[in-house]
Amino acid sequence: KDNTTPTTSSLNRKWKLIKYYNLTHGTSESEPVNISRSIIIEISDNGIMGNMNGHTVTNTVGRAYELLQYNKMKILHFGGTKIGESNWGCKFWGAIHAASTYEIQRDKLYIYFNADAEKMEFKQQ
């Protein structure tokens, strides 16, 4: 992860959550095969302010965010329901609330959370 370049770039795309990583413990968790649908978010921004809209396994979600220098991000508003949410979906709720940094590598988006000790991996759709 490169936090030294003072850039903010647009995240405009549709993304599918495919994996969680715990960087402290060196572990990862891939999307379960038995869920009813994948977590998909569509991101639209102007390089500074933006919105994420999409769905978890069972619910619709939406949030506003701000992109800051050095690939930092701040979630401003977060909304949706958690009714009947799976463990995979519940983990997303907690992770996105704690989002701190982002990184784009080709067709992958990484959103770091919990003081950058963990990250979510999204694949472009």
C-alpha atoms as a PDB file:
ATOM      1  CA  LYS A   1       0.000   0.000   0.000  1.00  0.00           C
ATOM      2  CA  ASP A   2       1.421   3.384  -1.003  1.00  0.00           C
ATOM      3  CA  ASN A   3       0.351   6.193   1.336  1.00  0.00           C
ATOM      4  CA  THR A   4       3.106   8.560   0.225  1.00  0.00           C
ATOM      5  CA  THR A   5       1.551   9.872  -2.979  1.00  0.00           C
ATOM      6  CA  PRO A   6      -0.822  12.794  -2.332  1.00  0.00           C
ATOM      7  CA  THR A   7      -3.494  11.701  -4.785  1.00  0.00           C
ATOM      8  CA  THR A   8      -7.206  11.352  -4.705  1.00  0.00           C
ATOM      9  CA  SER A   9      -8.616   9.446  -7.638  1.00  0.00           C
ATOM     10  CA  SER A  10     -12.140   8.526  -8.518  1.00  0.00           C
ATOM     11  CA  LEU A  11     -13.462   5.135  -7.475  1.00  0.00           C
ATOM     12  CA  ASN A  12     -16.298   5.286 -10.072  1.00  0.00           C
ATOM     13  CA  ARG A  13     -17.161   1.677 -10.837  1.00  0.00           C
ATOM     14  CA  LYS A  14     -19.281  -1.235  -9.721  1.00  0.00           C
ATOM     15  CA  TRP A  15     -17.474  -3.488  -7.226  1.00  0.00           C
ATOM     16  CA  LYS A  16     -18.070  -6.968  -5.768  1.00  0.00           C
ATOM     17  CA  LEU A  17     -16.692  -7.812  -2.309  1.00  0.00           C
ATOM     18  CA  ILE A  18     -14.656 -11.006  -2.649  1.00  0.00           C
ATOM     19  CA  LYS A  19     -12.405 -11.220   0.431  1.00  0.00           C
ATOM     20  CA  TYR A  20     -11.542  -9.881   3.871  1.00  0.00           C
ATOM     21  CA  TYR A  21      -7.946  -9.820   5.131  1.00  0.00           C
ATOM     22  CA  ASN A  22      -6.625  -9.495   8.670  1.00  0.00           C
ATOM     23  CA  LEU A  23      -3.162  -8.083   8.032  1.00  0.00           C
ATOM     24  CA  THR A  24      -2.083  -8.424  11.659  1.00  0.00           C
ATOM     25  CA  HIS A  25      -2.744 -12.173  11.780  1.00  0.00           C
ATOM     26  CA  GLY A  26      -2.041 -12.905   8.098  1.00  0.00           C
ATOM     27  CA  THR A  27      -5.463 -14.497   7.575  1.00  0.00           C
ATOM     28  CA  SER A  28      -8.162 -14.065   4.936  1.00  0.00           C
ATOM     29  CA  GLU A  29     -11.803 -14.983   4.432  1.00  0.00           C
ATOM     30  CA  SER A  30     -13.254 -15.420   0.934  1.00  0.00           C
ATOM     31  CA  GLU A  31     -16.883 -14.957  -0.023  1.00  0.00           C
ATOM     32  CA  PRO A  32     -18.900 -17.971   1.194  1.00  0.00           C
ATOM     33  CA  VAL A  33     -20.239 -20.224  -1.539  1.00  0.00           C
ATOM     34  CA  ASN A  34     -23.590 -20.679   0.204  1.00  0.00           C
ATOM     35  CA  ILE A  35     -24.803 -17.049   0.297  1.00  0.00           C
ATOM     36  CA  SER A  36     -27.881 -16.027  -1.682  1.00  0.00           C
ATOM     37  CA  ARG A  37     -26.180 -13.075  -3.419  1.00  0.00           C
ATOM     38  CA  SER A  38     -22.866 -11.241  -3.414  1.00  0.00           C
ATOM     39  CA  ILE A  39     -22.199  -7.864  -1.825  1.00  0.00           C
ATOM     40  CA  ILE A  40     -22.143  -5.341  -4.671  1.00  0.00           C
ATOM     41  CA  ILE A  41     -21.562  -1.597  -4.380  1.00  0.00           C
ATOM     42  CA  GLU A  42     -21.665   0.996  -7.124  1.00  0.00           C
ATOM     43  CA  ILE A  43     -19.475   3.996  -6.461  1.00  0.00           C
ATOM     44  CA  SER A  44     -19.849   7.422  -8.023  1.00  0.00           C
ATOM     45  CA  ASP A  45     -17.762  10.424  -7.061  1.00  0.00           C
ATOM     46  CA  ASN A  46     -16.076  13.533  -8.405  1.00  0.00           C
ATOM     47  CA  GLY A  47     -12.658  12.581  -7.034  1.00  0.00           C
ATOM     48  CA  ILE A  48     -13.426  14.194  -3.674  1.00  0.00           C
ATOM     49  CA  MET A  49     -17.042  13.551  -2.584  1.00  0.00           C
ATOM     50  CA  GLY A  50     -19.116  10.552  -3.539  1.00  0.00           C
ATOM     51  CA  ASN A  51     -21.790   7.980  -2.848  1.00  0.00           C
ATOM     52  CA  MET A  52     -21.796   4.191  -2.560  1.00  0.00           C
ATOM     53  CA  ASN A  53     -25.043   2.390  -3.302  1.00  0.00           C
ATOM     54  CA  GLY A  54     -25.756  -1.282  -3.596  1.00  0.00           C
ATOM     55  CA  HIS A  55     -26.710  -4.328  -1.596  1.00  0.00           C
ATOM     56  CA  THR A  56     -25.408  -6.763   0.948  1.00  0.00           C
ATOM     57  CA  VAL A  57     -26.467 -10.406   0.961  1.00  0.00           C
ATOM     58  CA  THR A  58     -30.010  -9.509   2.076  1.00  0.00           C
ATOM     59  CA  ASN A  59     -30.363  -5.709   2.225  1.00  0.00           C
ATOM     60  CA  THR A  60     -29.912  -2.445   0.347  1.00  0.00           C
ATOM     61  CA  VAL A  61     -27.167  -0.068   1.489  1.00  0.00           C
ATOM     62  CA  GLY A  62     -26.104   3.470   0.713  1.00  0.00           C
ATOM     63  CA  ARG A  63     -23.537   5.873   2.061  1.00  0.00           C
ATOM     64  CA  ALA A  64     -21.699   9.102   1.347  1.00  0.00           C
ATOM     65  CA  TYR A  65     -17.940   9.381   1.589  1.00  0.00           C
ATOM     66  CA  GLU A  66     -15.074  11.798   1.133  1.00  0.00           C
ATOM     67  CA  LEU A  67     -11.698  11.046  -0.481  1.00  0.00           C
ATOM     68  CA  LEU A  68      -8.773  12.753   1.226  1.00  0.00           C
ATOM     69  CA  GLN A  69      -5.077  13.095   0.448  1.00  0.00           C
ATOM     70  CA  TYR A  70      -2.764  10.107   0.734  1.00  0.00           C
ATOM     71  CA  ASN A  71      -5.526   7.656  -0.233  1.00  0.00           C
ATOM     72  CA  LYS A  72      -7.480   8.293   2.947  1.00  0.00           C
ATOM     73  CA  MET A  73     -11.254   8.061   2.945  1.00  0.00           C
ATOM     74  CA  LYS A  74     -13.931   9.084   5.394  1.00  0.00           C
ATOM     75  CA  ILE A  75     -17.424   7.590   5.497  1.00  0.00           C
ATOM     76  CA  LEU A  76     -19.814  10.493   6.117  1.00  0.00           C
ATOM     77  CA  HIS A  77     -23.241   8.859   6.162  1.00  0.00           C
ATOM     78  CA  PHE A  78     -24.201   5.201   6.178  1.00  0.00           C
ATOM     79  CA  GLY A  79     -27.673   3.798   5.772  1.00  0.00           C
ATOM     80  CA  GLY A  80     -29.612   0.643   5.139  1.00  0.00           C
ATOM     81  CA  THR A  81     -31.131  -2.218   7.054  1.00  0.00           C
ATOM     82  CA  LYS A  82     -29.519  -5.250   8.671  1.00  0.00           C
ATOM     83  CA  ILE A  83     -32.626  -7.452   8.784  1.00  0.00           C
ATOM     84  CA  GLY A  84     -31.698 -11.117   8.327  1.00  0.00           C
ATOM     85  CA  GLU A  85     -28.103 -10.255   7.455  1.00  0.00           C
ATOM     86  CA  SER A  86     -25.581 -13.087   7.130  1.00  0.00           C
ATOM     87  CA  ASN A  87     -22.213 -13.082   8.915  1.00  0.00           C
ATOM     88  CA  TRP A  88     -20.585 -12.028   5.614  1.00  0.00           C
ATOM     89  CA  GLY A  89     -22.952  -9.057   5.350  1.00  0.00           C
ATOM     90  CA  CYS A  90     -22.648  -8.084   9.026  1.00  0.00           C
ATOM     91  CA  LYS A  91     -18.876  -8.007   8.677  1.00  0.00           C
ATOM     92  CA  PHE A  92     -19.250  -5.590   5.747  1.00  0.00           C
ATOM     93  CA  TRP A  93     -21.338  -3.207   7.877  1.00  0.00           C
ATOM     94  CA  GLY A  94     -18.658  -3.057  10.559  1.00  0.00           C
ATOM     95  CA  ALA A  95     -15.809  -2.775   8.078  1.00  0.00           C
ATOM     96  CA  ILE A  96     -17.308   0.041   6.006  1.00  0.00           C
ATOM     97  CA  HIS A  97     -18.062   2.052   9.143  1.00  0.00           C
ATOM     98  CA  ALA A  98     -14.368   1.776  10.074  1.00  0.00           C
ATOM     99  CA  ALA A  99     -13.000   2.498   6.557  1.00  0.00           C
ATOM    100  CA  SER A 100      -9.827   4.570   6.628  1.00  0.00           C
ATOM    101  CA  THR A 101      -7.764   4.104   3.452  1.00  0.00           C
ATOM    102  CA  TYR A 102      -8.264   2.853  -0.108  1.00  0.00           C
ATOM    103  CA  GLU A 103      -6.054   1.483  -2.847  1.00  0.00           C
ATOM    104  CA  ILE A 104      -6.780   0.595  -6.486  1.00  0.00           C
ATOM    105  CA  GLN A 105      -4.693  -2.033  -8.284  1.00  0.00           C
ATOM    106  CA  ARG A 106      -5.899  -2.698 -11.832  1.00  0.00           C
ATOM    107  CA  ASP A 107      -9.405  -4.206 -11.434  1.00  0.00           C
ATOM    108  CA  LYS A 108      -9.236  -4.464  -7.621  1.00  0.00           C
ATOM    109  CA  LEU A 109     -10.253  -1.993  -4.930  1.00  0.00           C
ATOM    110  CA  TYR A 110      -8.945  -2.433  -1.400  1.00  0.00           C
ATOM    111  CA  ILE A 111     -10.648  -0.606   1.450  1.00  0.00           C
ATOM    112  CA  TYR A 112      -8.651  -0.714   4.671  1.00  0.00           C
ATOM    113  CA  PHE A 113     -10.346  -0.513   8.053  1.00  0.00           C
ATOM    114  CA  ASN A 114      -9.642  -0.850  11.793  1.00  0.00           C
ATOM    115  CA  ALA A 115      -6.629   1.497  11.633  1.00  0.00           C
ATOM    116  CA  ASP A 116      -5.481  -0.213   8.402  1.00  0.00           C
ATOM    117  CA  ALA A 117      -5.028  -3.548  10.222  1.00  0.00           C
ATOM    118  CA  GLU A 118      -7.662  -5.190   7.996  1.00  0.00           C
ATOM    119  CA  LYS A 119      -8.881  -4.736   4.433  1.00  0.00           C
ATOM    120  CA  MET A 120     -11.686  -5.692   2.099  1.00  0.00           C
ATOM    121  CA  GLU A 121     -10.917  -6.735  -1.467  1.00  0.00           C
ATOM    122  CA  PHE A 122     -13.399  -5.818  -4.198  1.00  0.00           C
ATOM    123  CA  LYS A 123     -13.282  -6.911  -7.839  1.00  0.00           C
ATOM    124  CA  GLN A 124     -14.529  -4.611 -10.583  1.00  0.00           C
ATOM    125  CA  GLN A 125     -17.764  -5.815 -12.181  1.00  0.00           C
END
